[in-house]
Amino acid sequence: MKLLLDAMYSSQIAPLLRERGHDAVSATERDDLRAIGDAGLVALARDEQRVLVTHNVRDFAPLVAAAMADAPPLLGVVFTSDKSLPRSKRTTPRYVDLLDALANEDRLAGGVVWLSAS
């Protein structure tokens, strides 16, 4: 399972996931993604057959819904919330563990998953 992490996450998450054998990239790692808008990020995730990971539910939910109805469809999205899993240096290892488990279970393809600490 290939992952694309939105720029709002720690730049350490994608490299740590790669150490665990996953094809993961952060929007902060690639020059072509640094200034890309939300619609562009969704289109790139679809084109590269990546599952998108984002915290920005309000802006991405309608884009994701449209992209999942397109051909080819977006493979899936992982939404997060600061209420259930805050984004901080302290929680970076937890994000890595949870995304690693999801990717290994292959629960991400074809839908929406909410990532939470519980």
PDB file of N, CA and C in Angstrom:
ATOM      1  N   MET A   1       0.846  -1.166   0.000  1.00  0.00           N
ATOM      2  CA  MET A   1       0.000   0.000   0.000  1.00  0.00           C
ATOM      3  C   MET A   1       0.897   1.236   0.000  1.00  0.00           C
ATOM      4  N   LYS A   2       0.664   2.113  -0.951  1.00  0.00           N
ATOM      5  CA  LYS A   2       1.444   3.336  -1.074  1.00  0.00           C
ATOM      6  C   LYS A   2       0.697   4.482  -0.393  1.00  0.00           C
ATOM      7  N   LEU A   3       1.430   5.279   0.391  1.00  0.00           N
ATOM      8  CA  LEU A   3       0.820   6.355   1.154  1.00  0.00           C
ATOM      9  C   LEU A   3       1.358   7.710   0.718  1.00  0.00           C
ATOM     10  N   LEU A   4       0.489   8.726   0.769  1.00  0.00           N
ATOM     11  CA  LEU A   4       0.866  10.111   0.537  1.00  0.00           C
ATOM     12  C   LEU A   4       0.379  10.918   1.726  1.00  0.00           C
ATOM     13  N   LEU A   5       1.319  11.451   2.505  1.00  0.00           N
ATOM     14  CA  LEU A   5       0.974  12.228   3.687  1.00  0.00           C
ATOM     15  C   LEU A   5       0.918  13.712   3.350  1.00  0.00           C
ATOM     16  N   ASP A   6      -0.162  14.346   3.751  1.00  0.00           N
ATOM     17  CA  ASP A   6      -0.323  15.780   3.566  1.00  0.00           C
ATOM     18  C   ASP A   6       0.786  16.501   4.342  1.00  0.00           C
ATOM     19  N   ALA A   7       1.044  17.746   3.975  1.00  0.00           N
ATOM     20  CA  ALA A   7       2.159  18.513   4.542  1.00  0.00           C
ATOM     21  C   ALA A   7       2.001  18.830   6.022  1.00  0.00           C
ATOM     22  N   MET A   8       0.839  18.628   6.581  1.00  0.00           N
ATOM     23  CA  MET A   8       0.596  19.002   7.972  1.00  0.00           C
ATOM     24  C   MET A   8       1.197  18.020   8.996  1.00  0.00           C
ATOM     25  N   TYR A   9       1.745  16.923   8.520  1.00  0.00           N
ATOM     26  CA  TYR A   9       2.305  15.917   9.419  1.00  0.00           C
ATOM     27  C   TYR A   9       3.814  16.065   9.550  1.00  0.00           C
ATOM     28  N   SER A  10       4.346  15.514  10.615  1.00  0.00           N
ATOM     29  CA  SER A  10       5.785  15.539  10.844  1.00  0.00           C
ATOM     30  C   SER A  10       6.520  14.945   9.645  1.00  0.00           C
ATOM     31  N   SER A  11       7.594  15.597   9.258  1.00  0.00           N
ATOM     32  CA  SER A  11       8.395  15.106   8.126  1.00  0.00           C
ATOM     33  C   SER A  11       9.111  13.801   8.463  1.00  0.00           C
ATOM     34  N   GLN A  12       9.057  13.371   9.704  1.00  0.00           N
ATOM     35  CA  GLN A  12       9.696  12.120  10.116  1.00  0.00           C
ATOM     36  C   GLN A  12       8.839  10.890   9.842  1.00  0.00           C
ATOM     37  N   ILE A  13       7.550  11.059   9.662  1.00  0.00           N
ATOM     38  CA  ILE A  13       6.652   9.904   9.547  1.00  0.00           C
ATOM     39  C   ILE A  13       6.930   9.083   8.289  1.00  0.00           C
ATOM     40  N   ALA A  14       7.000   9.717   7.133  1.00  0.00           N
ATOM     41  CA  ALA A  14       7.209   8.965   5.890  1.00  0.00           C
ATOM     42  C   ALA A  14       8.528   8.195   5.891  1.00  0.00           C
ATOM     43  N   PRO A  15       9.658   8.798   6.286  1.00  0.00           N
ATOM     44  CA  PRO A  15      10.900   8.016   6.323  1.00  0.00           C
ATOM     45  C   PRO A  15      10.833   6.832   7.296  1.00  0.00           C
ATOM     46  N   LEU A  16      10.162   7.018   8.426  1.00  0.00           N
ATOM     47  CA  LEU A  16      10.032   5.916   9.381  1.00  0.00           C
ATOM     48  C   LEU A  16       9.163   4.803   8.816  1.00  0.00           C
ATOM     49  N   LEU A  17       8.137   5.156   8.062  1.00  0.00           N
ATOM     50  CA  LEU A  17       7.316   4.131   7.408  1.00  0.00           C
ATOM     51  C   LEU A  17       8.125   3.407   6.330  1.00  0.00           C
ATOM     52  N   ARG A  18       8.962   4.131   5.604  1.00  0.00           N
ATOM     53  CA  ARG A  18       9.818   3.483   4.595  1.00  0.00           C
ATOM     54  C   ARG A  18      10.782   2.500   5.250  1.00  0.00           C
ATOM     55  N   GLU A  19      11.279   2.832   6.443  1.00  0.00           N
ATOM     56  CA  GLU A  19      12.148   1.904   7.177  1.00  0.00           C
ATOM     57  C   GLU A  19      11.417   0.611   7.502  1.00  0.00           C
ATOM     58  N   ARG A  20      10.105   0.675   7.596  1.00  0.00           N
ATOM     59  CA  ARG A  20       9.294  -0.518   7.877  1.00  0.00           C
ATOM     60  C   ARG A  20       8.820  -1.201   6.595  1.00  0.00           C
ATOM     61  N   GLY A  21       9.304  -0.722   5.457  1.00  0.00           N
ATOM     62  CA  GLY A  21       9.018  -1.390   4.195  1.00  0.00           C
ATOM     63  C   GLY A  21       7.860  -0.840   3.395  1.00  0.00           C
ATOM     64  N   HIS A  22       7.324   0.301   3.790  1.00  0.00           N
ATOM     65  CA  HIS A  22       6.186   0.884   3.088  1.00  0.00           C
ATOM     66  C   HIS A  22       6.639   1.939   2.091  1.00  0.00           C
ATOM     67  N   ASP A  23       5.905   2.073   1.017  1.00  0.00           N
ATOM     68  CA  ASP A  23       6.130   3.123   0.037  1.00  0.00           C
ATOM     69  C   ASP A  23       5.333   4.330   0.518  1.00  0.00           C
ATOM     70  N   ALA A  24       6.002   5.222   1.247  1.00  0.00           N
ATOM     71  CA  ALA A  24       5.352   6.391   1.820  1.00  0.00           C
ATOM     72  C   ALA A  24       6.129   7.641   1.444  1.00  0.00           C
ATOM     73  N   VAL A  25       5.381   8.684   1.124  1.00  0.00           N
ATOM     74  CA  VAL A  25       5.995   9.968   0.787  1.00  0.00           C
ATOM     75  C   VAL A  25       5.184  11.069   1.460  1.00  0.00           C
ATOM     76  N   SER A  26       5.898  12.093   1.897  1.00  0.00           N
ATOM     77  CA  SER A  26       5.262  13.260   2.481  1.00  0.00           C
ATOM     78  C   SER A  26       5.255  14.386   1.456  1.00  0.00           C
ATOM     79  N   ALA A  27       4.214  15.195   1.487  1.00  0.00           N
ATOM     80  CA  ALA A  27       4.137  16.336   0.573  1.00  0.00           C
ATOM     81  C   ALA A  27       5.280  17.315   0.807  1.00  0.00           C
ATOM     82  N   THR A  28       5.932  17.239   1.958  1.00  0.00           N
ATOM     83  CA  THR A  28       7.062  18.130   2.237  1.00  0.00           C
ATOM     84  C   THR A  28       8.375  17.617   1.660  1.00  0.00           C
ATOM     85  N   GLU A  29       8.394  16.387   1.183  1.00  0.00           N
ATOM     86  CA  GLU A  29       9.644  15.781   0.699  1.00  0.00           C
ATOM     87  C   GLU A  29       9.919  16.033  -0.780  1.00  0.00           C
ATOM     88  N   ARG A  30       8.893  16.259  -1.539  1.00  0.00           N
ATOM     89  CA  ARG A  30       9.053  16.392  -2.988  1.00  0.00           C
ATOM     90  C   ARG A  30       8.784  17.815  -3.433  1.00  0.00           C
ATOM     91  N   ASP A  31       9.678  18.340  -4.250  1.00  0.00           N
ATOM     92  CA  ASP A  31       9.530  19.709  -4.741  1.00  0.00           C
ATOM     93  C   ASP A  31       8.213  19.911  -5.478  1.00  0.00           C
ATOM     94  N   ASP A  32       7.764  18.901  -6.235  1.00  0.00           N
ATOM     95  CA  ASP A  32       6.529  19.043  -7.003  1.00  0.00           C
ATOM     96  C   ASP A  32       5.276  19.063  -6.127  1.00  0.00           C
ATOM     97  N   LEU A  33       5.412  18.763  -4.838  1.00  0.00           N
ATOM     98  CA  LEU A  33       4.251  18.726  -3.948  1.00  0.00           C
ATOM     99  C   LEU A  33       4.199  19.891  -2.965  1.00  0.00           C
ATOM    100  N   ARG A  34       5.267  20.645  -2.850  1.00  0.00           N
ATOM    101  CA  ARG A  34       5.332  21.682  -1.817  1.00  0.00           C
ATOM    102  C   ARG A  34       4.312  22.786  -2.006  1.00  0.00           C
ATOM    103  N   ALA A  35       4.024  23.152  -3.221  1.00  0.00           N
ATOM    104  CA  ALA A  35       3.087  24.262  -3.476  1.00  0.00           C
ATOM    105  C   ALA A  35       1.790  23.788  -4.134  1.00  0.00           C
ATOM    106  N   ILE A  36       1.566  22.510  -4.142  1.00  0.00           N
ATOM    107  CA  ILE A  36       0.383  21.954  -4.794  1.00  0.00           C
ATOM    108  C   ILE A  36      -0.852  22.202  -3.921  1.00  0.00           C
ATOM    109  N   GLY A  37      -1.959  22.502  -4.525  1.00  0.00           N
ATOM    110  CA  GLY A  37      -3.202  22.705  -3.795  1.00  0.00           C
ATOM    111  C   GLY A  37      -3.856  21.387  -3.420  1.00  0.00           C
ATOM    112  N   ASP A  38      -4.950  21.480  -2.685  1.00  0.00           N
ATOM    113  CA  ASP A  38      -5.645  20.277  -2.213  1.00  0.00           C
ATOM    114  C   ASP A  38      -6.123  19.404  -3.371  1.00  0.00           C
ATOM    115  N   ALA A  39      -6.734  20.003  -4.374  1.00  0.00           N
ATOM    116  CA  ALA A  39      -7.227  19.231  -5.523  1.00  0.00           C
ATOM    117  C   ALA A  39      -6.070  18.566  -6.260  1.00  0.00           C
ATOM    118  N   GLY A  40      -4.960  19.264  -6.365  1.00  0.00           N
ATOM    119  CA  GLY A  40      -3.775  18.690  -7.005  1.00  0.00           C
ATOM    120  C   GLY A  40      -3.220  17.520  -6.225  1.00  0.00           C
ATOM    121  N   LEU A  41      -3.251  17.616  -4.901  1.00  0.00           N
ATOM    122  CA  LEU A  41      -2.751  16.525  -4.063  1.00  0.00           C
ATOM    123  C   LEU A  41      -3.625  15.280  -4.207  1.00  0.00           C
ATOM    124  N   VAL A  42      -4.937  15.476  -4.252  1.00  0.00           N
ATOM    125  CA  VAL A  42      -5.855  14.347  -4.445  1.00  0.00           C
ATOM    126  C   VAL A  42      -5.629  13.723  -5.814  1.00  0.00           C
ATOM    127  N   ALA A  43      -5.474  14.551  -6.838  1.00  0.00           N
ATOM    128  CA  ALA A  43      -5.242  14.032  -8.192  1.00  0.00           C
ATOM    129  C   ALA A  43      -3.927  13.262  -8.259  1.00  0.00           C
ATOM    130  N   LEU A  44      -2.903  13.768  -7.607  1.00  0.00           N
ATOM    131  CA  LEU A  44      -1.620  13.073  -7.611  1.00  0.00           C
ATOM    132  C   LEU A  44      -1.721  11.737  -6.872  1.00  0.00           C
ATOM    133  N   ALA A  45      -2.423  11.729  -5.740  1.00  0.00           N
ATOM    134  CA  ALA A  45      -2.621  10.473  -5.008  1.00  0.00           C
ATOM    135  C   ALA A  45      -3.327   9.453  -5.898  1.00  0.00           C
ATOM    136  N   ARG A  46      -4.339   9.907  -6.617  1.00  0.00           N
ATOM    137  CA  ARG A  46      -5.058   9.008  -7.528  1.00  0.00           C
ATOM    138  C   ARG A  46      -4.142   8.524  -8.643  1.00  0.00           C
ATOM    139  N   ASP A  47      -3.403   9.454  -9.267  1.00  0.00           N
ATOM    140  CA  ASP A  47      -2.539   9.101 -10.392  1.00  0.00           C
ATOM    141  C   ASP A  47      -1.406   8.156  -9.989  1.00  0.00           C
ATOM    142  N   GLU A  48      -0.874   8.340  -8.768  1.00  0.00           N
ATOM    143  CA  GLU A  48       0.223   7.491  -8.285  1.00  0.00           C
ATOM    144  C   GLU A  48      -0.286   6.285  -7.507  1.00  0.00           C
ATOM    145  N   GLN A  49      -1.599   6.123  -7.458  1.00  0.00           N
ATOM    146  CA  GLN A  49      -2.244   5.014  -6.746  1.00  0.00           C
ATOM    147  C   GLN A  49      -1.780   4.946  -5.295  1.00  0.00           C
ATOM    148  N   ARG A  50      -1.907   6.104  -4.632  1.00  0.00           N
ATOM    149  CA  ARG A  50      -1.548   6.223  -3.226  1.00  0.00           C
ATOM    150  C   ARG A  50      -2.802   6.495  -2.396  1.00  0.00           C
ATOM    151  N   VAL A  51      -2.778   6.040  -1.165  1.00  0.00           N
ATOM    152  CA  VAL A  51      -3.808   6.385  -0.195  1.00  0.00           C
ATOM    153  C   VAL A  51      -3.373   7.704   0.442  1.00  0.00           C
ATOM    154  N   LEU A  52      -4.264   8.654   0.470  1.00  0.00           N
ATOM    155  CA  LEU A  52      -3.981   9.972   1.008  1.00  0.00           C
ATOM    156  C   LEU A  52      -4.209   9.979   2.517  1.00  0.00           C
ATOM    157  N   VAL A  53      -3.297  10.595   3.254  1.00  0.00           N
ATOM    158  CA  VAL A  53      -3.431  10.758   4.705  1.00  0.00           C
ATOM    159  C   VAL A  53      -3.492  12.262   4.975  1.00  0.00           C
ATOM    160  N   THR A  54      -4.597  12.715   5.578  1.00  0.00           N
ATOM    161  CA  THR A  54      -4.760  14.145   5.824  1.00  0.00           C
ATOM    162  C   THR A  54      -5.563  14.410   7.093  1.00  0.00           C
ATOM    163  N   HIS A  55      -5.344  15.574   7.639  1.00  0.00           N
ATOM    164  CA  HIS A  55      -6.065  16.052   8.812  1.00  0.00           C
ATOM    165  C   HIS A  55      -7.167  17.032   8.400  1.00  0.00           C
ATOM    166  N   ASN A  56      -7.091  17.502   7.183  1.00  0.00           N
ATOM    167  CA  ASN A  56      -7.961  18.564   6.691  1.00  0.00           C
ATOM    168  C   ASN A  56      -9.257  17.983   6.114  1.00  0.00           C
ATOM    169  N   VAL A  57     -10.086  17.478   6.976  1.00  0.00           N
ATOM    170  CA  VAL A  57     -11.318  16.798   6.565  1.00  0.00           C
ATOM    171  C   VAL A  57     -12.252  17.751   5.828  1.00  0.00           C
ATOM    172  N   ARG A  58     -12.430  18.942   6.342  1.00  0.00           N
ATOM    173  CA  ARG A  58     -13.387  19.884   5.754  1.00  0.00           C
ATOM    174  C   ARG A  58     -13.093  20.159   4.283  1.00  0.00           C
ATOM    175  N   ASP A  59     -11.830  20.395   3.958  1.00  0.00           N
ATOM    176  CA  ASP A  59     -11.482  20.712   2.577  1.00  0.00           C
ATOM    177  C   ASP A  59     -11.355  19.470   1.696  1.00  0.00           C
ATOM    178  N   PHE A  60     -10.876  18.371   2.275  1.00  0.00           N
ATOM    179  CA  PHE A  60     -10.602  17.189   1.462  1.00  0.00           C
ATOM    180  C   PHE A  60     -11.797  16.265   1.273  1.00  0.00           C
ATOM    181  N   ALA A  61     -12.751  16.241   2.187  1.00  0.00           N
ATOM    182  CA  ALA A  61     -13.877  15.297   2.078  1.00  0.00           C
ATOM    183  C   ALA A  61     -14.606  15.398   0.733  1.00  0.00           C
ATOM    184  N   PRO A  62     -14.979  16.593   0.271  1.00  0.00           N
ATOM    185  CA  PRO A  62     -15.663  16.639  -1.031  1.00  0.00           C
ATOM    186  C   PRO A  62     -14.745  16.261  -2.192  1.00  0.00           C
ATOM    187  N   LEU A  63     -13.472  16.622  -2.108  1.00  0.00           N
ATOM    188  CA  LEU A  63     -12.525  16.261  -3.166  1.00  0.00           C
ATOM    189  C   LEU A  63     -12.328  14.752  -3.221  1.00  0.00           C
ATOM    190  N   VAL A  64     -12.238  14.130  -2.051  1.00  0.00           N
ATOM    191  CA  VAL A  64     -12.051  12.680  -1.966  1.00  0.00           C
ATOM    192  C   VAL A  64     -13.286  11.964  -2.511  1.00  0.00           C
ATOM    193  N   ALA A  65     -14.465  12.425  -2.148  1.00  0.00           N
ATOM    194  CA  ALA A  65     -15.691  11.792  -2.637  1.00  0.00           C
ATOM    195  C   ALA A  65     -15.750  11.825  -4.161  1.00  0.00           C
ATOM    196  N   ALA A  66     -15.401  12.962  -4.740  1.00  0.00           N
ATOM    197  CA  ALA A  66     -15.412  13.074  -6.205  1.00  0.00           C
ATOM    198  C   ALA A  66     -14.341  12.184  -6.828  1.00  0.00           C
ATOM    199  N   ALA A  67     -13.168  12.141  -6.206  1.00  0.00           N
ATOM    200  CA  ALA A  67     -12.063  11.354  -6.764  1.00  0.00           C
ATOM    201  C   ALA A  67     -12.322   9.855  -6.657  1.00  0.00           C
ATOM    202  N   MET A  68     -13.081   9.431  -5.661  1.00  0.00           N
ATOM    203  CA  MET A  68     -13.410   8.010  -5.544  1.00  0.00           C
ATOM    204  C   MET A  68     -14.457   7.599  -6.576  1.00  0.00           C
ATOM    205  N   ALA A  69     -15.201   8.564  -7.082  1.00  0.00           N
ATOM    206  CA  ALA A  69     -16.209   8.271  -8.107  1.00  0.00           C
ATOM    207  C   ALA A  69     -15.628   8.352  -9.516  1.00  0.00           C
ATOM    208  N   ASP A  70     -14.434   8.932  -9.646  1.00  0.00           N
ATOM    209  CA  ASP A  70     -13.769   9.056 -10.946  1.00  0.00           C
ATOM    210  C   ASP A  70     -13.205   7.712 -11.402  1.00  0.00           C
ATOM    211  N   ALA A  71     -12.802   7.693 -12.645  1.00  0.00           N
ATOM    212  CA  ALA A  71     -12.093   6.528 -13.173  1.00  0.00           C
ATOM    213  C   ALA A  71     -10.732   7.003 -13.667  1.00  0.00           C
ATOM    214  N   PRO A  72      -9.665   6.452 -13.176  1.00  0.00           N
ATOM    215  CA  PRO A  72      -9.602   5.505 -12.065  1.00  0.00           C
ATOM    216  C   PRO A  72      -9.886   6.211 -10.745  1.00  0.00           C
ATOM    217  N   PRO A  73     -10.422   5.485  -9.787  1.00  0.00           N
ATOM    218  CA  PRO A  73     -10.782   6.113  -8.515  1.00  0.00           C
ATOM    219  C   PRO A  73      -9.571   6.304  -7.604  1.00  0.00           C
ATOM    220  N   LEU A  74      -9.709   7.231  -6.684  1.00  0.00           N
ATOM    221  CA  LEU A  74      -8.742   7.361  -5.591  1.00  0.00           C
ATOM    222  C   LEU A  74      -8.817   6.081  -4.776  1.00  0.00           C
ATOM    223  N   LEU A  75      -7.680   5.545  -4.386  1.00  0.00           N
ATOM    224  CA  LEU A  75      -7.666   4.276  -3.654  1.00  0.00           C
ATOM    225  C   LEU A  75      -8.276   4.372  -2.272  1.00  0.00           C
ATOM    226  N   GLY A  76      -8.103   5.513  -1.625  1.00  0.00           N
ATOM    227  CA  GLY A  76      -8.639   5.654  -0.281  1.00  0.00           C
ATOM    228  C   GLY A  76      -8.040   6.852   0.411  1.00  0.00           C
ATOM    229  N   VAL A  77      -8.553   7.118   1.610  1.00  0.00           N
ATOM    230  CA  VAL A  77      -8.055   8.237   2.404  1.00  0.00           C
ATOM    231  C   VAL A  77      -8.075   7.850   3.876  1.00  0.00           C
ATOM    232  N   VAL A  78      -7.085   8.361   4.595  1.00  0.00           N
ATOM    233  CA  VAL A  78      -7.037   8.229   6.050  1.00  0.00           C
ATOM    234  C   VAL A  78      -7.185   9.631   6.612  1.00  0.00           C
ATOM    235  N   PHE A  79      -8.240   9.841   7.383  1.00  0.00           N
ATOM    236  CA  PHE A  79      -8.446  11.119   8.055  1.00  0.00           C
ATOM    237  C   PHE A  79      -7.987  10.995   9.496  1.00  0.00           C
ATOM    238  N   THR A  80      -7.469  12.091  10.035  1.00  0.00           N
ATOM    239  CA  THR A  80      -7.080  12.132  11.442  1.00  0.00           C
ATOM    240  C   THR A  80      -7.724  13.342  12.103  1.00  0.00           C
ATOM    241  N   SER A  81      -7.733  13.322  13.418  1.00  0.00           N
ATOM    242  CA  SER A  81      -8.313  14.410  14.198  1.00  0.00           C
ATOM    243  C   SER A  81      -7.415  14.688  15.395  1.00  0.00           C
ATOM    244  N   ASP A  82      -7.202  15.966  15.689  1.00  0.00           N
ATOM    245  CA  ASP A  82      -6.397  16.315  16.866  1.00  0.00           C
ATOM    246  C   ASP A  82      -7.076  15.897  18.165  1.00  0.00           C
ATOM    247  N   LYS A  83      -8.385  15.699  18.141  1.00  0.00           N
ATOM    248  CA  LYS A  83      -9.075  15.244  19.358  1.00  0.00           C
ATOM    249  C   LYS A  83      -8.685  13.816  19.711  1.00  0.00           C
ATOM    250  N   SER A  84      -8.626  12.950  18.715  1.00  0.00           N
ATOM    251  CA  SER A  84      -8.332  11.545  18.994  1.00  0.00           C
ATOM    252  C   SER A  84      -6.846  11.214  18.875  1.00  0.00           C
ATOM    253  N   LEU A  85      -6.111  12.010  18.095  1.00  0.00           N
ATOM    254  CA  LEU A  85      -4.685  11.734  17.898  1.00  0.00           C
ATOM    255  C   LEU A  85      -3.980  13.038  17.522  1.00  0.00           C
ATOM    256  N   PRO A  86      -3.578  13.816  18.525  1.00  0.00           N
ATOM    257  CA  PRO A  86      -2.936  15.109  18.245  1.00  0.00           C
ATOM    258  C   PRO A  86      -1.664  14.945  17.412  1.00  0.00           C
ATOM    259  N   ARG A  87      -1.398  15.943  16.613  1.00  0.00           N
ATOM    260  CA  ARG A  87      -0.172  15.964  15.811  1.00  0.00           C
ATOM    261  C   ARG A  87       0.898  16.704  16.599  1.00  0.00           C
ATOM    262  N   SER A  88       1.924  15.966  17.012  1.00  0.00           N
ATOM    263  CA  SER A  88       3.042  16.565  17.740  1.00  0.00           C
ATOM    264  C   SER A  88       4.236  15.643  17.618  1.00  0.00           C
ATOM    265  N   LYS A  89       5.399  16.137  18.015  1.00  0.00           N
ATOM    266  CA  LYS A  89       6.594  15.290  17.988  1.00  0.00           C
ATOM    267  C   LYS A  89       6.409  14.060  18.878  1.00  0.00           C
ATOM    268  N   ARG A  90       5.696  14.240  19.966  1.00  0.00           N
ATOM    269  CA  ARG A  90       5.481  13.141  20.899  1.00  0.00           C
ATOM    270  C   ARG A  90       4.630  12.020  20.296  1.00  0.00           C
ATOM    271  N   THR A  91       3.702  12.384  19.389  1.00  0.00           N
ATOM    272  CA  THR A  91       2.811  11.369  18.818  1.00  0.00           C
ATOM    273  C   THR A  91       3.313  10.802  17.484  1.00  0.00           C
ATOM    274  N   THR A  92       4.432  11.301  16.987  1.00  0.00           N
ATOM    275  CA  THR A  92       4.967  10.790  15.718  1.00  0.00           C
ATOM    276  C   THR A  92       5.131   9.273  15.737  1.00  0.00           C
ATOM    277  N   PRO A  93       5.739   8.691  16.783  1.00  0.00           N
ATOM    278  CA  PRO A  93       5.850   7.221  16.788  1.00  0.00           C
ATOM    279  C   PRO A  93       4.498   6.518  16.758  1.00  0.00           C
ATOM    280  N   ARG A  94       3.491   7.106  17.378  1.00  0.00           N
ATOM    281  CA  ARG A  94       2.150   6.506  17.380  1.00  0.00           C
ATOM    282  C   ARG A  94       1.545   6.534  15.975  1.00  0.00           C
ATOM    283  N   TYR A  95       1.728   7.658  15.278  1.00  0.00           N
ATOM    284  CA  TYR A  95       1.266   7.737  13.886  1.00  0.00           C
ATOM    285  C   TYR A  95       1.933   6.658  13.035  1.00  0.00           C
ATOM    286  N   VAL A  96       3.230   6.498  13.219  1.00  0.00           N
ATOM    287  CA  VAL A  96       3.966   5.492  12.439  1.00  0.00           C
ATOM    288  C   VAL A  96       3.423   4.100  12.735  1.00  0.00           C
ATOM    289  N   ASP A  97       3.231   3.788  14.010  1.00  0.00           N
ATOM    290  CA  ASP A  97       2.712   2.464  14.383  1.00  0.00           C
ATOM    291  C   ASP A  97       1.317   2.220  13.799  1.00  0.00           C
ATOM    292  N   LEU A  98       0.443   3.213  13.909  1.00  0.00           N
ATOM    293  CA  LEU A  98      -0.931   3.045  13.432  1.00  0.00           C
ATOM    294  C   LEU A  98      -1.005   2.940  11.908  1.00  0.00           C
ATOM    295  N   LEU A  99      -0.256   3.773  11.204  1.00  0.00           N
ATOM    296  CA  LEU A  99      -0.258   3.690   9.736  1.00  0.00           C
ATOM    297  C   LEU A  99       0.395   2.393   9.260  1.00  0.00           C
ATOM    298  N   ASP A 100       1.431   1.963   9.940  1.00  0.00           N
ATOM    299  CA  ASP A 100       2.075   0.685   9.619  1.00  0.00           C
ATOM    300  C   ASP A 100       1.072  -0.460   9.770  1.00  0.00           C
ATOM    301  N   ALA A 101       0.337  -0.459  10.872  1.00  0.00           N
ATOM    302  CA  ALA A 101      -0.657  -1.521  11.106  1.00  0.00           C
ATOM    303  C   ALA A 101      -1.758  -1.483  10.050  1.00  0.00           C
ATOM    304  N   LEU A 102      -2.258  -0.297   9.717  1.00  0.00           N
ATOM    305  CA  LEU A 102      -3.299  -0.197   8.695  1.00  0.00           C
ATOM    306  C   LEU A 102      -2.813  -0.701   7.346  1.00  0.00           C
ATOM    307  N   ALA A 103      -1.617  -0.297   6.970  1.00  0.00           N
ATOM    308  CA  ALA A 103      -1.076  -0.714   5.680  1.00  0.00           C
ATOM    309  C   ALA A 103      -0.845  -2.224   5.652  1.00  0.00           C
ATOM    310  N   ASN A 104      -0.388  -2.788   6.752  1.00  0.00           N
ATOM    311  CA  ASN A 104      -0.165  -4.235   6.811  1.00  0.00           C
ATOM    312  C   ASN A 104      -1.475  -5.018   6.771  1.00  0.00           C
ATOM    313  N   GLU A 105      -2.532  -4.441   7.327  1.00  0.00           N
ATOM    314  CA  GLU A 105      -3.840  -5.103   7.310  1.00  0.00           C
ATOM    315  C   GLU A 105      -4.550  -4.889   5.985  1.00  0.00           C
ATOM    316  N   ASP A 106      -4.039  -3.970   5.175  1.00  0.00           N
ATOM    317  CA  ASP A 106      -4.621  -3.631   3.880  1.00  0.00           C
ATOM    318  C   ASP A 106      -6.066  -3.166   4.019  1.00  0.00           C
ATOM    319  N   ARG A 107      -6.351  -2.429   5.100  1.00  0.00           N
ATOM    320  CA  ARG A 107      -7.702  -1.904   5.328  1.00  0.00           C
ATOM    321  C   ARG A 107      -7.930  -0.572   4.653  1.00  0.00           C
ATOM    322  N   LEU A 108      -6.915  -0.034   3.969  1.00  0.00           N
ATOM    323  CA  LEU A 108      -7.029   1.315   3.437  1.00  0.00           C
ATOM    324  C   LEU A 108      -7.640   1.370   2.045  1.00  0.00           C
ATOM    325  N   ALA A 109      -7.518   0.331   1.291  1.00  0.00           N
ATOM    326  CA  ALA A 109      -7.930   0.393  -0.111  1.00  0.00           C
ATOM    327  C   ALA A 109      -9.434   0.561  -0.255  1.00  0.00           C
ATOM    328  N   GLY A 110      -9.825   1.532  -1.075  1.00  0.00           N
ATOM    329  CA  GLY A 110     -11.208   1.670  -1.473  1.00  0.00           C
ATOM    330  C   GLY A 110     -12.137   2.336  -0.510  1.00  0.00           C
ATOM    331  N   GLY A 111     -11.620   3.078   0.448  1.00  0.00           N
ATOM    332  CA  GLY A 111     -12.547   3.709   1.363  1.00  0.00           C
ATOM    333  C   GLY A 111     -11.926   4.770   2.225  1.00  0.00           C
ATOM    334  N   VAL A 112     -12.654   5.115   3.261  1.00  0.00           N
ATOM    335  CA  VAL A 112     -12.246   6.140   4.220  1.00  0.00           C
ATOM    336  C   VAL A 112     -12.004   5.473   5.556  1.00  0.00           C
ATOM    337  N   VAL A 113     -10.867   5.775   6.160  1.00  0.00           N
ATOM    338  CA  VAL A 113     -10.528   5.251   7.470  1.00  0.00           C
ATOM    339  C   VAL A 113     -10.189   6.424   8.373  1.00  0.00           C
ATOM    340  N   TRP A 114     -10.706   6.392   9.592  1.00  0.00           N
ATOM    341  CA  TRP A 114     -10.329   7.392  10.593  1.00  0.00           C
ATOM    342  C   TRP A 114      -9.271   6.780  11.494  1.00  0.00           C
ATOM    343  N   LEU A 115      -8.143   7.458  11.605  1.00  0.00           N
ATOM    344  CA  LEU A 115      -7.046   6.984  12.447  1.00  0.00           C
ATOM    345  C   LEU A 115      -7.242   7.562  13.846  1.00  0.00           C
ATOM    346  N   SER A 116      -7.197   6.695  14.842  1.00  0.00           N
ATOM    347  CA  SER A 116      -7.324   7.180  16.232  1.00  0.00           C
ATOM    348  C   SER A 116      -6.383   6.399  17.118  1.00  0.00           C
ATOM    349  N   ALA A 117      -6.074   6.980  18.258  1.00  0.00           N
ATOM    350  CA  ALA A 117      -5.130   6.386  19.193  1.00  0.00           C
ATOM    351  C   ALA A 117      -5.692   5.162  19.889  1.00  0.00           C
ATOM    352  N   SER A 118      -6.994   5.009  19.908  1.00  0.00           N
ATOM    353  CA  SER A 118      -7.576   3.868  20.629  1.00  0.00           C
ATOM    354  C   SER A 118      -7.734   2.654  19.762  1.00  0.00           C
TER     355      SER A 118
END
